[in-house]
C-alpha atoms as a PDB file:
ATOM      1  CA  UNK A   1       0.000   0.000   0.000  1.00  0.00           C
ATOM      2  CA  UNK A   2       1.500   3.356  -1.071  1.00  0.00           C
ATOM      3  CA  UNK A   3       1.199   6.648   0.774  1.00  0.00           C
ATOM      4  CA  UNK A   4      -1.763   7.908  -1.257  1.00  0.00           C
ATOM      5  CA  UNK A   5      -3.758   4.738  -0.628  1.00  0.00           C
ATOM      6  CA  UNK A   6      -2.871   4.925   3.052  1.00  0.00           C
ATOM      7  CA  UNK A   7      -4.129   8.512   3.311  1.00  0.00           C
ATOM      8  CA  UNK A   8      -7.257   7.723   1.310  1.00  0.00           C
ATOM      9  CA  UNK A   9      -8.235   4.693   3.387  1.00  0.00           C
ATOM     10  CA  UNK A  10      -9.941   6.606   6.251  1.00  0.00           C
ATOM     11  CA  UNK A  11     -11.898   8.671   3.718  1.00  0.00           C
ATOM     12  CA  UNK A  12     -13.636   5.558   2.459  1.00  0.00           C
ATOM     13  CA  UNK A  13     -15.770   5.671   5.613  1.00  0.00           C
ATOM     14  CA  UNK A  14     -18.566   8.227   5.920  1.00  0.00           C
ATOM     15  CA  UNK A  15     -18.093   8.588   9.680  1.00  0.00           C
ATOM     16  CA  UNK A  16     -14.439   9.542   9.138  1.00  0.00           C
ATOM     17  CA  UNK A  17     -15.375  12.208   6.595  1.00  0.00           C
ATOM     18  CA  UNK A  18     -17.871  13.686   9.063  1.00  0.00           C
ATOM     19  CA  UNK A  19     -15.279  13.505  11.856  1.00  0.00           C
ATOM     20  CA  UNK A  20     -12.690  15.316   9.742  1.00  0.00           C
ATOM     21  CA  UNK A  21     -15.204  17.961   8.688  1.00  0.00           C
ATOM     22  CA  UNK A  22     -16.292  18.726  12.257  1.00  0.00           C
ATOM     23  CA  UNK A  23     -12.681  18.713  13.467  1.00  0.00           C
ATOM     24  CA  UNK A  24     -11.510  21.194  10.834  1.00  0.00           C
ATOM     25  CA  UNK A  25     -14.476  23.540  11.372  1.00  0.00           C
ATOM     26  CA  UNK A  26     -14.127  23.461  15.160  1.00  0.00           C
ATOM     27  CA  UNK A  27     -10.333  23.806  15.031  1.00  0.00           C
ATOM     28  CA  UNK A  28     -10.365  26.824  12.715  1.00  0.00           C
ATOM     29  CA  UNK A  29     -13.148  28.561  14.637  1.00  0.00           C
ATOM     30  CA  UNK A  30     -11.578  27.966  18.060  1.00  0.00           C
ATOM     31  CA  UNK A  31      -8.159  29.036  16.784  1.00  0.00           C
ATOM     32  CA  UNK A  32      -9.525  32.279  15.359  1.00  0.00           C
ATOM     33  CA  UNK A  33     -11.259  33.164  18.619  1.00  0.00           C
ATOM     34  CA  UNK A  34      -8.277  32.053  20.700  1.00  0.00           C
ATOM     35  CA  UNK A  35      -6.169  34.878  19.252  1.00  0.00           C
ATOM     36  CA  UNK A  36      -8.361  37.435  21.039  1.00  0.00           C
ATOM     37  CA  UNK A  37      -8.763  35.324  24.173  1.00  0.00           C
ATOM     38  CA  UNK A  38      -4.999  35.060  24.618  1.00  0.00           C
ATOM     39  CA  UNK A  39      -4.460  38.798  24.131  1.00  0.00           C
ATOM     40  CA  UNK A  40      -7.284  39.839  26.474  1.00  0.00           C
ATOM     41  CA  UNK A  41      -6.362  37.228  29.085  1.00  0.00           C
ATOM     42  CA  UNK A  42      -9.648  35.344  28.912  1.00  0.00           C
ATOM     43  CA  UNK A  43      -8.250  31.822  28.874  1.00  0.00           C
ATOM     44  CA  UNK A  44     -10.022  30.994  32.136  1.00  0.00           C
ATOM     45  CA  UNK A  45     -13.257  32.428  30.712  1.00  0.00           C
ATOM     46  CA  UNK A  46     -13.015  29.942  27.845  1.00  0.00           C
ATOM     47  CA  UNK A  47     -12.594  27.156  30.379  1.00  0.00           C
ATOM     48  CA  UNK A  48     -15.648  28.365  32.308  1.00  0.00           C
ATOM     49  CA  UNK A  49     -18.018  28.626  29.360  1.00  0.00           C
ATOM     50  CA  UNK A  50     -16.969  25.306  27.855  1.00  0.00           C
ATOM     51  CA  UNK A  51     -17.669  23.483  31.128  1.00  0.00           C
ATOM     52  CA  UNK A  52     -20.842  25.398  31.948  1.00  0.00           C
ATOM     53  CA  UNK A  53     -22.699  24.121  28.867  1.00  0.00           C
ATOM     54  CA  UNK A  54     -22.856  20.569  30.262  1.00  0.00           C
ATOM     55  CA  UNK A  55     -26.204  20.876  32.121  1.00  0.00           C
ATOM     56  CA  UNK A  56     -27.734  22.517  29.057  1.00  0.00           C
ATOM     57  CA  UNK A  57     -26.863  19.524  26.915  1.00  0.00           C
ATOM     58  CA  UNK A  58     -28.312  17.060  29.437  1.00  0.00           C
ATOM     59  CA  UNK A  59     -31.521  19.078  29.879  1.00  0.00           C
ATOM     60  CA  UNK A  60     -31.868  19.309  26.093  1.00  0.00           C
ATOM     61  CA  UNK A  61     -31.649  15.519  25.931  1.00  0.00           C
ATOM     62  CA  UNK A  62     -34.303  15.176  28.647  1.00  0.00           C
ATOM     63  CA  UNK A  63     -36.826  17.389  26.822  1.00  0.00           C
ATOM     64  CA  UNK A  64     -35.922  16.077  23.368  1.00  0.00           C
ATOM     65  CA  UNK A  65     -34.420  19.328  22.077  1.00  0.00           C
ATOM     66  CA  UNK A  66     -31.210  19.634  20.004  1.00  0.00           C
ATOM     67  CA  UNK A  67     -28.090  19.388  22.146  1.00  0.00           C
ATOM     68  CA  UNK A  68     -26.699  22.558  20.574  1.00  0.00           C
ATOM     69  CA  UNK A  69     -29.713  24.586  21.717  1.00  0.00           C
ATOM     70  CA  UNK A  70     -29.326  23.577  25.364  1.00  0.00           C
ATOM     71  CA  UNK A  71     -25.574  24.138  25.277  1.00  0.00           C
ATOM     72  CA  UNK A  72     -26.015  27.563  23.703  1.00  0.00           C
ATOM     73  CA  UNK A  73     -28.569  28.673  26.316  1.00  0.00           C
ATOM     74  CA  UNK A  74     -26.352  27.617  29.219  1.00  0.00           C
ATOM     75  CA  UNK A  75     -23.293  29.148  27.556  1.00  0.00           C
ATOM     76  CA  UNK A  76     -25.012  32.531  27.475  1.00  0.00           C
ATOM     77  CA  UNK A  77     -26.327  31.924  31.002  1.00  0.00           C
ATOM     78  CA  UNK A  78     -22.807  31.278  32.285  1.00  0.00           C
ATOM     79  CA  UNK A  79     -21.538  34.500  30.717  1.00  0.00           C
ATOM     80  CA  UNK A  80     -24.424  36.464  32.269  1.00  0.00           C
ATOM     81  CA  UNK A  81     -23.932  34.901  35.709  1.00  0.00           C
ATOM     82  CA  UNK A  82     -20.191  35.570  35.718  1.00  0.00           C
ATOM     83  CA  UNK A  83     -20.790  39.193  34.779  1.00  0.00           C
ATOM     84  CA  UNK A  84     -23.547  39.516  37.378  1.00  0.00           C
ATOM     85  CA  UNK A  85     -21.472  38.092  40.235  1.00  0.00           C
ATOM     86  CA  UNK A  86     -18.471  40.213  39.252  1.00  0.00           C
ATOM     87  CA  UNK A  87     -20.458  43.472  38.964  1.00  0.00           C
ATOM     88  CA  UNK A  88     -22.622  43.093  42.084  1.00  0.00           C
ATOM     89  CA  UNK A  89     -20.000  41.894  44.570  1.00  0.00           C
ATOM     90  CA  UNK A  90     -16.439  42.722  45.579  1.00  0.00           C
ATOM     91  CA  UNK A  91     -15.233  39.463  44.057  1.00  0.00           C
ATOM     92  CA  UNK A  92     -12.766  39.623  41.209  1.00  0.00           C
ATOM     93  CA  UNK A  93     -13.498  38.065  37.829  1.00  0.00           C
ATOM     94  CA  UNK A  94     -11.420  34.929  38.376  1.00  0.00           C
ATOM     95  CA  UNK A  95     -13.353  34.125  41.563  1.00  0.00           C
ATOM     96  CA  UNK A  96     -16.693  34.694  39.808  1.00  0.00           C
ATOM     97  CA  UNK A  97     -15.597  32.427  36.966  1.00  0.00           C
ATOM     98  CA  UNK A  98     -14.531  29.675  39.358  1.00  0.00           C
ATOM     99  CA  UNK A  99     -17.814  29.782  41.271  1.00  0.00           C
ATOM    100  CA  UNK A 100     -20.095  29.789  38.217  1.00  0.00           C
ATOM    101  CA  UNK A 101     -18.377  27.202  36.057  1.00  0.00           C
ATOM    102  CA  UNK A 102     -17.761  24.660  38.828  1.00  0.00           C
ATOM    103  CA  UNK A 103     -21.352  24.965  40.048  1.00  0.00           C
ATOM    104  CA  UNK A 104     -22.865  24.550  36.583  1.00  0.00           C
ATOM    105  CA  UNK A 105     -20.471  21.743  35.658  1.00  0.00           C
ATOM    106  CA  UNK A 106     -21.319  19.896  38.883  1.00  0.00           C
ATOM    107  CA  UNK A 107     -25.021  20.372  38.128  1.00  0.00           C
ATOM    108  CA  UNK A 108     -24.433  18.734  34.768  1.00  0.00           C
ATOM    109  CA  UNK A 109     -22.636  15.776  36.340  1.00  0.00           C
ATOM    110  CA  UNK A 110     -25.514  15.288  38.778  1.00  0.00           C
ATOM    111  CA  UNK A 111     -28.031  15.373  35.924  1.00  0.00           C
ATOM    112  CA  UNK A 112     -26.049  12.753  34.014  1.00  0.00           C
ATOM    113  CA  UNK A 113     -25.957  10.486  37.068  1.00  0.00           C
ATOM    114  CA  UNK A 114     -29.745  10.547  37.542  1.00  0.00           C
ATOM    115  CA  UNK A 115     -30.905  10.639  33.918  1.00  0.00           C
ATOM    116  CA  UNK A 116     -31.817   7.286  32.356  1.00  0.00           C
ATOM    117  CA  UNK A 117     -30.472   7.251  28.825  1.00  0.00           C
ATOM    118  CA  UNK A 118     -30.139   4.864  25.914  1.00  0.00           C
ATOM    119  CA  UNK A 119     -27.095   6.846  24.751  1.00  0.00           C
ATOM    120  CA  UNK A 120     -23.845   7.414  26.584  1.00  0.00           C
ATOM    121  CA  UNK A 121     -24.056  10.955  27.953  1.00  0.00           C
ATOM    122  CA  UNK A 122     -20.394  10.699  28.935  1.00  0.00           C
ATOM    123  CA  UNK A 123     -19.682  11.425  25.262  1.00  0.00           C
ATOM    124  CA  UNK A 124     -20.674  14.998  26.082  1.00  0.00           C
ATOM    125  CA  UNK A 125     -17.773  15.196  28.526  1.00  0.00           C
ATOM    126  CA  UNK A 126     -15.107  13.407  26.497  1.00  0.00           C
ATOM    127  CA  UNK A 127     -16.385  13.916  22.945  1.00  0.00           C
ATOM    128  CA  UNK A 128     -17.460  11.414  20.318  1.00  0.00           C
ATOM    129  CA  UNK A 129     -16.061  12.547  16.993  1.00  0.00           C
ATOM    130  CA  UNK A 130     -16.578   9.218  15.288  1.00  0.00           C
ATOM    131  CA  UNK A 131     -20.244   9.235  16.288  1.00  0.00           C
ATOM    132  CA  UNK A 132     -21.081  12.610  14.703  1.00  0.00           C
ATOM    133  CA  UNK A 133     -24.346  12.371  12.751  1.00  0.00           C
ATOM    134  CA  UNK A 134     -25.400  14.303   9.664  1.00  0.00           C
ATOM    135  CA  UNK A 135     -27.655  16.476  11.845  1.00  0.00           C
ATOM    136  CA  UNK A 136     -24.708  17.232  14.165  1.00  0.00           C
ATOM    137  CA  UNK A 137     -22.591  18.191  11.159  1.00  0.00           C
ATOM    138  CA  UNK A 138     -25.258  20.604   9.897  1.00  0.00           C
ATOM    139  CA  UNK A 139     -25.509  22.191  13.365  1.00  0.00           C
ATOM    140  CA  UNK A 140     -21.753  22.672  13.414  1.00  0.00           C
ATOM    141  CA  UNK A 141     -21.768  24.123   9.895  1.00  0.00           C
ATOM    142  CA  UNK A 142     -24.530  26.645  10.637  1.00  0.00           C
ATOM    143  CA  UNK A 143     -23.226  27.767  14.032  1.00  0.00           C
ATOM    144  CA  UNK A 144     -19.672  27.813  12.726  1.00  0.00           C
ATOM    145  CA  UNK A 145     -20.575  29.908   9.673  1.00  0.00           C
ATOM    146  CA  UNK A 146     -22.487  32.483  11.751  1.00  0.00           C
ATOM    147  CA  UNK A 147     -19.723  32.770  14.357  1.00  0.00           C
ATOM    148  CA  UNK A 148     -16.963  32.941  11.738  1.00  0.00           C
ATOM    149  CA  UNK A 149     -18.779  35.671   9.808  1.00  0.00           C
ATOM    150  CA  UNK A 150     -19.244  37.832  12.920  1.00  0.00           C
ATOM    151  CA  UNK A 151     -15.611  37.372  13.980  1.00  0.00           C
ATOM    152  CA  UNK A 152     -14.380  38.457  10.543  1.00  0.00           C
ATOM    153  CA  UNK A 153     -16.780  41.398  10.195  1.00  0.00           C
ATOM    154  CA  UNK A 154     -16.052  42.740  13.694  1.00  0.00           C
ATOM    155  CA  UNK A 155     -12.376  41.802  13.840  1.00  0.00           C
ATOM    156  CA  UNK A 156     -11.170  45.433  13.955  1.00  0.00           C
ATOM    157  CA  UNK A 157     -13.470  46.259  16.883  1.00  0.00           C
ATOM    158  CA  UNK A 158     -12.416  43.116  18.759  1.00  0.00           C
ATOM    159  CA  UNK A 159      -8.742  43.845  18.136  1.00  0.00           C
ATOM    160  CA  UNK A 160      -9.024  47.415  19.408  1.00  0.00           C
ATOM    161  CA  UNK A 161     -10.940  46.128  22.443  1.00  0.00           C
ATOM    162  CA  UNK A 162      -8.171  43.599  23.132  1.00  0.00           C
ATOM    163  CA  UNK A 163      -5.354  46.150  22.918  1.00  0.00           C
ATOM    164  CA  UNK A 164      -6.862  49.340  24.364  1.00  0.00           C
ATOM    165  CA  UNK A 165     -10.416  49.545  25.709  1.00  0.00           C
ATOM    166  CA  UNK A 166      -9.950  53.205  26.673  1.00  0.00           C
ATOM    167  CA  UNK A 167      -9.042  54.123  23.104  1.00  0.00           C
ATOM    168  CA  UNK A 168     -12.009  52.103  21.839  1.00  0.00           C
ATOM    169  CA  UNK A 169     -14.314  54.109  24.098  1.00  0.00           C
ATOM    170  CA  UNK A 170     -12.754  57.369  22.903  1.00  0.00           C
ATOM    171  CA  UNK A 171     -13.581  56.397  19.316  1.00  0.00           C
ATOM    172  CA  UNK A 172     -17.252  56.028  20.223  1.00  0.00           C
ATOM    173  CA  UNK A 173     -17.336  52.272  20.788  1.00  0.00           C
ATOM    174  CA  UNK A 174     -18.967  50.675  23.810  1.00  0.00           C
ATOM    175  CA  UNK A 175     -16.405  48.291  25.333  1.00  0.00           C
ATOM    176  CA  UNK A 176     -19.085  46.528  27.410  1.00  0.00           C
ATOM    177  CA  UNK A 177     -21.126  45.697  24.305  1.00  0.00           C
ATOM    178  CA  UNK A 178     -18.041  44.551  22.398  1.00  0.00           C
ATOM    179  CA  UNK A 179     -16.972  42.378  25.338  1.00  0.00           C
ATOM    180  CA  UNK A 180     -20.477  40.919  25.645  1.00  0.00           C
ATOM    181  CA  UNK A 181     -20.533  40.118  21.922  1.00  0.00           C
ATOM    182  CA  UNK A 182     -17.147  38.423  22.163  1.00  0.00           C
ATOM    183  CA  UNK A 183     -18.352  36.356  25.119  1.00  0.00           C
ATOM    184  CA  UNK A 184     -21.470  35.393  23.171  1.00  0.00           C
ATOM    185  CA  UNK A 185     -19.277  34.190  20.308  1.00  0.00           C
ATOM    186  CA  UNK A 186     -17.217  32.266  22.855  1.00  0.00           C
ATOM    187  CA  UNK A 187     -20.386  30.449  23.933  1.00  0.00           C
ATOM    188  CA  UNK A 188     -21.274  29.620  20.313  1.00  0.00           C
ATOM    189  CA  UNK A 189     -17.742  28.438  19.577  1.00  0.00           C
ATOM    190  CA  UNK A 190     -17.785  26.203  22.656  1.00  0.00           C
ATOM    191  CA  UNK A 191     -20.956  24.549  21.346  1.00  0.00           C
ATOM    192  CA  UNK A 192     -19.270  23.874  18.006  1.00  0.00           C
ATOM    193  CA  UNK A 193     -16.127  22.443  19.616  1.00  0.00           C
ATOM    194  CA  UNK A 194     -18.228  20.377  22.017  1.00  0.00           C
ATOM    195  CA  UNK A 195     -19.154  18.112  19.108  1.00  0.00           C
ATOM    196  CA  UNK A 196     -15.481  17.445  18.463  1.00  0.00           C
ATOM    197  CA  UNK A 197     -13.623  16.985  21.732  1.00  0.00           C
ATOM    198  CA  UNK A 198     -16.244  17.191  24.484  1.00  0.00           C
ATOM    199  CA  UNK A 199     -16.571  19.578  27.402  1.00  0.00           C
ATOM    200  CA  UNK A 200     -13.233  18.746  29.034  1.00  0.00           C
ATOM    201  CA  UNK A 201     -10.936  19.442  26.080  1.00  0.00           C
ATOM    202  CA  UNK A 202     -12.716  22.422  24.504  1.00  0.00           C
ATOM    203  CA  UNK A 203     -10.615  24.810  26.574  1.00  0.00           C
ATOM    204  CA  UNK A 204      -7.437  23.426  24.978  1.00  0.00           C
ATOM    205  CA  UNK A 205      -8.723  24.249  21.497  1.00  0.00           C
ATOM    206  CA  UNK A 206      -9.600  27.757  22.722  1.00  0.00           C
ATOM    207  CA  UNK A 207      -6.120  28.473  24.103  1.00  0.00           C
ATOM    208  CA  UNK A 208      -3.353  26.457  22.431  1.00  0.00           C
ATOM    209  CA  UNK A 209      -3.648  27.754  18.821  1.00  0.00           C
ATOM    210  CA  UNK A 210      -3.631  31.421  19.832  1.00  0.00           C
ATOM    211  CA  UNK A 211      -0.781  30.882  22.278  1.00  0.00           C
ATOM    212  CA  UNK A 212       1.227  29.056  19.608  1.00  0.00           C
ATOM    213  CA  UNK A 213       0.705  31.801  17.032  1.00  0.00           C
ATOM    214  CA  UNK A 214       1.609  34.429  19.641  1.00  0.00           C
ATOM    215  CA  UNK A 215       5.058  32.841  19.989  1.00  0.00           C
ATOM    216  CA  UNK A 216       5.575  32.881  16.210  1.00  0.00           C
ATOM    217  CA  UNK A 217       4.705  36.465  15.303  1.00  0.00           C
ATOM    218  CA  UNK A 218       4.373  39.956  16.753  1.00  0.00           C
ATOM    219  CA  UNK A 219       1.681  40.969  14.248  1.00  0.00           C
ATOM    220  CA  UNK A 220      -1.931  40.247  15.147  1.00  0.00           C
ATOM    221  CA  UNK A 221      -3.055  39.985  11.527  1.00  0.00           C
ATOM    222  CA  UNK A 222      -0.558  37.163  11.024  1.00  0.00           C
ATOM    223  CA  UNK A 223      -1.793  35.486  14.208  1.00  0.00           C
ATOM    224  CA  UNK A 224      -5.275  35.316  12.678  1.00  0.00           C
ATOM    225  CA  UNK A 225      -3.827  33.289   9.805  1.00  0.00           C
ATOM    226  CA  UNK A 226      -1.209  31.197  11.604  1.00  0.00           C
ATOM    227  CA  UNK A 227      -3.458  29.996  14.454  1.00  0.00           C
ATOM    228  CA  UNK A 228      -6.267  28.538  12.241  1.00  0.00           C
ATOM    229  CA  UNK A 229      -3.735  26.998   9.848  1.00  0.00           C
ATOM    230  CA  UNK A 230      -1.851  25.234  12.659  1.00  0.00           C
ATOM    231  CA  UNK A 231      -5.100  24.152  14.336  1.00  0.00           C
ATOM    232  CA  UNK A 232      -6.510  22.683  11.127  1.00  0.00           C
ATOM    233  CA  UNK A 233      -3.253  20.840  10.477  1.00  0.00           C
ATOM    234  CA  UNK A 234      -3.227  19.480  14.033  1.00  0.00           C
ATOM    235  CA  UNK A 235      -6.860  18.418  13.657  1.00  0.00           C
ATOM    236  CA  UNK A 236      -6.172  16.445  10.500  1.00  0.00           C
ATOM    237  CA  UNK A 237      -3.037  14.906  12.015  1.00  0.00           C
ATOM    238  CA  UNK A 238      -4.932  13.970  15.179  1.00  0.00           C
ATOM    239  CA  UNK A 239      -7.844  12.327  13.358  1.00  0.00           C
ATOM    240  CA  UNK A 240      -5.565  10.316  11.064  1.00  0.00           C
ATOM    241  CA  UNK A 241      -3.298   9.263  13.926  1.00  0.00           C
ATOM    242  CA  UNK A 242      -6.255   8.146  16.033  1.00  0.00           C
ATOM    243  CA  UNK A 243      -7.559   6.076  13.119  1.00  0.00           C
ATOM    244  CA  UNK A 244      -4.328   4.166  12.565  1.00  0.00           C
ATOM    245  CA  UNK A 245      -3.385   3.836  16.252  1.00  0.00           C
ATOM    246  CA  UNK A 246      -6.962   3.198  17.460  1.00  0.00           C
ATOM    247  CA  UNK A 247      -6.846   5.920  20.119  1.00  0.00           C
ATOM    248  CA  UNK A 248      -9.218   8.614  21.378  1.00  0.00           C
ATOM    249  CA  UNK A 249      -9.881  10.948  18.450  1.00  0.00           C
ATOM    250  CA  UNK A 250     -10.618  14.121  20.421  1.00  0.00           C
ATOM    251  CA  UNK A 251      -7.710  13.478  22.753  1.00  0.00           C
ATOM    252  CA  UNK A 252      -5.344  12.928  19.831  1.00  0.00           C
ATOM    253  CA  UNK A 253      -6.437  16.179  18.171  1.00  0.00           C
ATOM    254  CA  UNK A 254      -5.634  18.165  21.316  1.00  0.00           C
ATOM    255  CA  UNK A 255      -2.401  16.218  21.834  1.00  0.00           C
ATOM    256  CA  UNK A 256      -1.312  17.158  18.313  1.00  0.00           C
ATOM    257  CA  UNK A 257      -1.957  20.825  19.120  1.00  0.00           C
ATOM    258  CA  UNK A 258       0.041  20.452  22.330  1.00  0.00           C
ATOM    259  CA  UNK A 259       2.967  18.880  20.475  1.00  0.00           C
ATOM    260  CA  UNK A 260       3.001  21.707  17.926  1.00  0.00           C
ATOM    261  CA  UNK A 261       2.999  24.247  20.759  1.00  0.00           C
ATOM    262  CA  UNK A 262       5.915  22.422  22.400  1.00  0.00           C
ATOM    263  CA  UNK A 263       7.951  22.561  19.180  1.00  0.00           C
ATOM    264  CA  UNK A 264       7.195  26.258  18.750  1.00  0.00           C
ATOM    265  CA  UNK A 265       7.982  26.946  22.404  1.00  0.00           C
ATOM    266  CA  UNK A 266      11.376  25.325  21.969  1.00  0.00           C
ATOM    267  CA  UNK A 267      12.356  26.338  18.434  1.00  0.00           C
ATOM    268  CA  UNK A 268      10.448  29.525  17.544  1.00  0.00           C
ATOM    269  CA  UNK A 269      12.970  31.829  15.787  1.00  0.00           C
ATOM    270  CA  UNK A 270      12.192  34.837  17.996  1.00  0.00           C
ATOM    271  CA  UNK A 271      10.710  33.593  21.254  1.00  0.00           C
ATOM    272  CA  UNK A 272      11.689  29.933  21.312  1.00  0.00           C
ATOM    273  CA  UNK A 273      13.569  28.712  24.367  1.00  0.00           C
ATOM    274  CA  UNK A 274      16.482  27.382  22.302  1.00  0.00           C
ATOM    275  CA  UNK A 275      16.750  30.538  20.158  1.00  0.00           C
ATOM    276  CA  UNK A 276      16.697  32.877  23.182  1.00  0.00           C
ATOM    277  CA  UNK A 277      19.321  30.786  24.972  1.00  0.00           C
ATOM    278  CA  UNK A 278      21.570  30.834  21.899  1.00  0.00           C
ATOM    279  CA  UNK A 279      21.092  34.592  21.481  1.00  0.00           C
ATOM    280  CA  UNK A 280      21.902  35.180  25.164  1.00  0.00           C
ATOM    281  CA  UNK A 281      25.024  33.036  24.870  1.00  0.00           C
ATOM    282  CA  UNK A 282      26.195  34.967  21.824  1.00  0.00           C
ATOM    283  CA  UNK A 283      25.640  38.291  23.616  1.00  0.00           C
ATOM    284  CA  UNK A 284      27.716  37.098  26.562  1.00  0.00           C
ATOM    285  CA  UNK A 285      30.511  36.015  24.222  1.00  0.00           C
ATOM    286  CA  UNK A 286      30.480  39.346  22.373  1.00  0.00           C
ATOM    287  CA  UNK A 287      30.585  41.270  25.661  1.00  0.00           C
ATOM    288  CA  UNK A 288      33.462  39.108  26.846  1.00  0.00           C
ATOM    289  CA  UNK A 289      35.309  39.820  23.605  1.00  0.00           C
ATOM    290  CA  UNK A 290      34.873  43.559  24.009  1.00  0.00           C
ATOM    291  CA  UNK A 291      36.334  43.392  27.503  1.00  0.00           C
END
């Protein structure tokens, strides 16, 4: 079997095509959003929203509604609750996030434990890429397209908000509205990624690509290209590797992203650990030569 036949083998199965499609859509969308999350410092917020959707998915199953609808409602609810606790108490944002997301996530776990089901609701927590249905794929496509379009159309506003909220306000923008919109898109993106890697690993897809791109370039416009490209490549690599090694698909996708980050962290030309150590060593040698 040659290389082309080997690469084409997984594509002979419909479930693998759906898995690849969902992975690429979720990876690109999460990577695009992660660029702003990393700059603003909202990594923990991504963790909170991704975990908080769990009870919404279980309740949607109980009433027979689409999983995405329940997840979306609880994603927005989590954002509202975090903002409410932060604005009406002396607690800082990180404390509000910790309280809301752990409470909602625990509520979801309790619901799973008491809900009789003919399907494995644990797939919500750990993901079930190979079990994605055509209906799930259409949900991901629609939500992904809407979220992607808004991110692209409002990218300048989001970027200004990330760098300088005071300047954004001086230009006539409302930072609170922009922040709320970005959090709403975070909730929608979490729902999309939920189909791919489950509640637990969504946060990785919302952080790693942006962090990786941040180490590779100082220009934000380049980050918006590098992060989705690396995430899509990691997604494809993860799905193929899981197929041939018979491992967890969602876990392998995130592991591939983690490995790429590790390589960039070590060997990035500007900010890589190896490059900075070499540059520091050369500076010491040049200073010693001058003396």
